[in-house]
Amino acid sequence: MKGVIVMATALFVATTTDARNLSTVGATYQIAERDALTEIEQRAKGVDWSKVVRRKAIEDYDGPQDRVLLPRAAKDRRFPVDMTWTLATDIPDGKGGVLYPQGYTFNPLDYITFTKTLVVINGNDPAQVKWFASSEYNGRIDVMLLLTEGYYRSLGKRLDVPLFYADGAIVDRLRLEAVPSIVRQEGKVMVVNEFAVPR
């Protein structure tokens, strides 16, 4: 075994010491491509990062244009909302026919269960923000907090929960009239509970 190792070592040494310059065959050229890292750095310097990041816009964002400003709830109130929907146009079946005709009515809650609880507040009202922060709904994964007003970034940091906005379509569909409101499914309807929060 030792003989094999000695022989392999001698062969390796002999081949490495015999290496020599075989000269250049053909024309050689300088590398034409620019260094990739240098190019990335130069392009990054030319970018207006304020437009890309838009941090100020995020911090100042206070909701969609079609948001609906709702008054404070004057008293506790509870009412059901029928979610039955009427089709405004025909729904084609993809084969030249009609799957569901215009005027067809259905209640989506006959087919699905909405497992979330929606809490709707005015984020510009300190009393409502404080009410939510100290409520049983804060921190629950089944709760979605919707804002009618308020600054997304500052409220998100303060409450440490995901935030969404109650746009006009949501307010109309759930027939919201005042805040704060809590909306959840009960049977085949959505039920809205308004709460009169002390100032």
Protein backbone atom coordinates (compact mmCIF):
# COMPACT_ATOMS: atom_id res chain seq x y z
CA MET A 1 0.00 0.00 0.00
CA LYS A 2 2.85 2.37 0.89
CA GLY A 3 4.38 1.68 -2.50
CA VAL A 4 1.20 2.75 -4.27
CA ILE A 5 1.03 6.01 -2.30
CA VAL A 6 4.71 6.79 -3.01
CA MET A 7 4.22 6.06 -6.70
CA ALA A 8 1.07 8.24 -6.93
CA THR A 9 2.85 11.10 -5.16
CA ALA A 10 5.84 10.83 -7.48
CA LEU A 11 3.57 10.81 -10.55
CA PHE A 12 1.69 13.91 -9.27
CA VAL A 13 4.94 15.81 -8.60
CA ALA A 14 6.32 14.85 -11.99
CA THR A 15 3.23 16.11 -13.86
CA THR A 16 3.02 19.40 -11.95
CA THR A 17 6.70 20.20 -12.30
CA ASP A 18 6.51 19.49 -16.03
CA ALA A 19 3.86 22.15 -16.59
CA ARG A 20 5.01 24.77 -19.06
CA ASN A 21 3.69 27.68 -21.07
CA LEU A 22 2.43 26.39 -24.38
CA SER A 23 2.09 29.96 -25.71
CA THR A 24 -1.05 31.68 -27.05
CA VAL A 25 -2.87 30.35 -30.06
CA GLY A 26 -5.02 32.90 -31.88
CA ALA A 27 -5.88 36.54 -31.18
CA THR A 28 -6.72 37.76 -27.65
CA TYR A 29 -8.97 40.68 -26.69
CA GLN A 30 -9.74 42.74 -23.61
CA ILE A 31 -12.99 41.82 -21.81
CA ALA A 32 -15.67 44.08 -23.29
CA GLU A 33 -18.37 43.63 -20.62
CA ARG A 34 -18.48 46.05 -17.73
CA ASP A 35 -18.08 44.74 -14.21
CA ALA A 36 -21.58 43.69 -13.08
CA LEU A 37 -21.26 45.06 -9.54
CA THR A 38 -20.02 48.43 -10.81
CA GLU A 39 -22.91 48.66 -13.25
CA ILE A 40 -25.47 47.84 -10.54
CA GLU A 41 -23.99 50.48 -8.22
CA GLN A 42 -24.05 53.14 -10.96
CA ARG A 43 -27.64 52.38 -11.90
CA ALA A 44 -28.70 52.46 -8.24
CA LYS A 45 -27.22 55.96 -7.92
CA GLY A 46 -29.42 57.15 -10.78
CA VAL A 47 -32.70 55.94 -9.23
CA ASP A 48 -34.97 58.40 -7.43
CA TRP A 49 -35.62 56.23 -4.39
CA SER A 50 -38.21 58.61 -2.97
CA LYS A 51 -40.49 57.72 -5.88
CA VAL A 52 -39.81 54.01 -5.54
CA VAL A 53 -40.27 53.71 -1.80
CA ARG A 54 -42.85 56.48 -1.35
CA ARG A 55 -42.53 56.28 2.42
CA LYS A 56 -44.17 59.63 2.92
CA ALA A 57 -47.17 58.56 0.85
CA ILE A 58 -47.55 55.39 2.92
CA GLU A 59 -47.33 57.28 6.20
CA ASP A 60 -49.87 59.87 5.00
CA TYR A 61 -52.28 57.34 3.45
CA ASP A 62 -55.71 57.77 4.99
CA GLY A 63 -57.85 55.49 2.86
CA PRO A 64 -59.41 55.10 -0.58
CA GLN A 65 -61.13 57.98 -2.34
CA ASP A 66 -64.56 56.33 -2.08
CA ARG A 67 -64.47 55.85 1.68
CA VAL A 68 -67.64 56.79 3.54
CA LEU A 69 -67.38 58.86 6.70
CA LEU A 70 -69.80 57.46 9.24
CA PRO A 71 -71.02 59.19 12.43
CA ARG A 72 -70.41 57.86 15.92
CA ALA A 73 -73.05 55.47 17.17
CA ALA A 74 -75.45 57.39 19.42
CA LYS A 75 -76.72 54.21 21.10
CA ASP A 76 -76.18 50.48 21.06
CA ARG A 77 -78.12 48.94 18.20
CA ARG A 78 -78.33 45.54 16.52
CA PHE A 79 -79.82 44.70 13.11
CA PRO A 80 -79.61 41.91 10.51
CA VAL A 81 -78.46 42.42 6.93
CA ASP A 82 -79.85 40.17 4.19
CA MET A 83 -76.98 39.40 1.82
CA THR A 84 -79.24 38.24 -1.04
CA TRP A 85 -77.81 39.42 -4.35
CA THR A 86 -79.52 39.99 -7.71
CA LEU A 87 -77.48 39.56 -10.89
CA ALA A 88 -77.39 42.70 -13.03
CA THR A 89 -76.29 40.79 -16.16
CA ASP A 90 -76.38 37.27 -17.55
CA ILE A 91 -73.57 34.92 -16.51
CA PRO A 92 -72.52 32.90 -19.60
CA ASP A 93 -71.80 29.19 -19.37
CA GLY A 94 -68.85 29.36 -21.80
CA LYS A 95 -70.69 27.29 -24.41
CA GLY A 96 -72.84 30.00 -25.93
CA GLY A 97 -75.62 29.66 -23.37
CA VAL A 98 -76.53 31.32 -20.09
CA LEU A 99 -75.55 29.75 -16.78
CA TYR A 100 -77.39 32.27 -14.59
CA PRO A 101 -79.76 34.84 -16.14
CA GLN A 102 -80.01 38.52 -15.30
CA GLY A 103 -82.33 38.96 -12.32
CA TYR A 104 -81.30 35.65 -10.71
CA THR A 105 -81.16 36.08 -6.92
CA PHE A 106 -79.09 34.14 -4.43
CA ASN A 107 -77.72 34.46 -0.91
CA PRO A 108 -73.97 33.72 -0.80
CA LEU A 109 -74.36 32.67 2.85
CA ASP A 110 -76.38 29.67 1.60
CA TYR A 111 -73.09 28.38 0.13
CA ILE A 112 -70.29 29.74 2.31
CA THR A 113 -69.62 30.50 5.95
CA PHE A 114 -67.94 33.82 6.66
CA THR A 115 -65.72 32.98 9.62
CA LYS A 116 -64.28 36.46 10.20
CA THR A 117 -65.60 39.10 12.56
CA LEU A 118 -65.41 42.61 11.11
CA VAL A 119 -64.77 45.50 13.46
CA VAL A 120 -65.32 48.91 11.86
CA ILE A 121 -64.05 52.07 13.57
CA ASN A 122 -63.09 55.64 12.81
CA GLY A 123 -59.31 55.64 13.25
CA ASN A 124 -59.28 59.43 13.72
CA ASP A 125 -61.44 59.12 16.85
CA PRO A 126 -59.13 58.46 19.86
CA ALA A 127 -62.04 57.06 21.90
CA GLN A 128 -62.83 54.43 19.25
CA VAL A 129 -59.16 53.49 18.84
CA LYS A 130 -58.84 53.13 22.63
CA TRP A 131 -62.06 51.10 22.73
CA PHE A 132 -60.73 48.66 20.13
CA ALA A 133 -57.28 48.43 21.76
CA SER A 134 -58.82 47.39 25.08
CA SER A 135 -61.57 45.20 23.60
CA GLU A 136 -61.75 41.42 23.33
CA TYR A 137 -61.35 41.78 19.55
CA ASN A 138 -57.81 43.17 19.62
CA GLY A 139 -55.24 40.52 18.73
CA ARG A 140 -57.72 37.85 17.60
CA ILE A 141 -56.80 36.17 14.32
CA ASP A 142 -60.46 35.86 13.31
CA VAL A 143 -60.98 39.65 13.50
CA MET A 144 -60.49 42.09 10.62
CA LEU A 145 -60.20 45.75 11.59
CA LEU A 146 -61.73 48.13 9.02
CA LEU A 147 -61.24 51.88 9.12
CA THR A 148 -63.61 54.52 7.83
CA GLU A 149 -60.94 57.17 8.54
CA GLY A 150 -57.43 57.19 9.91
CA TYR A 151 -53.79 56.98 8.93
CA TYR A 152 -52.76 53.48 7.94
CA ARG A 153 -49.14 53.50 9.11
CA SER A 154 -49.48 55.25 12.46
CA LEU A 155 -52.53 53.21 13.47
CA GLY A 156 -50.90 50.00 12.29
CA LYS A 157 -47.88 50.68 14.50
CA ARG A 158 -50.01 51.65 17.48
CA LEU A 159 -52.47 48.75 17.34
CA ASP A 160 -50.06 46.17 15.88
CA VAL A 161 -52.80 44.50 13.79
CA PRO A 162 -53.45 44.31 10.04
CA LEU A 163 -55.62 47.21 8.88
CA PHE A 164 -58.09 47.54 6.02
CA TYR A 165 -60.40 50.31 4.86
CA ALA A 166 -64.17 50.17 4.67
CA ASP A 167 -64.77 51.59 1.19
CA GLY A 168 -68.12 52.63 -0.20
CA ALA A 169 -68.97 49.15 -1.52
CA ILE A 170 -68.44 47.53 1.89
CA VAL A 171 -70.41 50.23 3.72
CA ASP A 172 -73.32 49.92 1.26
CA ARG A 173 -73.34 46.11 1.19
CA LEU A 174 -73.33 45.79 4.98
CA ARG A 175 -75.65 48.81 5.40
CA LEU A 176 -73.32 50.37 7.92
CA GLU A 177 -74.69 53.59 9.43
CA ALA A 178 -72.47 54.31 12.44
CA VAL A 179 -69.20 53.33 14.08
CA PRO A 180 -67.92 51.46 15.90
CA SER A 181 -69.72 48.45 14.47
CA ILE A 182 -69.09 44.75 14.76
CA VAL A 183 -70.29 42.56 11.91
CA ARG A 184 -70.50 38.76 11.93
CA GLN A 185 -72.49 36.01 10.28
CA GLU A 186 -75.39 34.50 12.18
CA GLY A 187 -77.17 31.80 10.24
CA LYS A 188 -77.99 33.07 6.75
CA VAL A 189 -77.60 36.78 7.52
CA MET A 190 -74.87 39.17 8.64
CA VAL A 191 -75.62 40.93 11.91
CA VAL A 192 -74.36 44.44 12.66
CA ASN A 193 -73.89 45.57 16.24
CA GLU A 194 -73.30 49.29 16.79
CA PHE A 195 -71.77 50.44 20.07
CA ALA A 196 -72.04 53.86 21.69
CA VAL A 197 -68.48 54.48 22.87
CA PRO A 198 -68.14 57.17 25.57
CA ARG A 199 -66.12 60.23 24.54
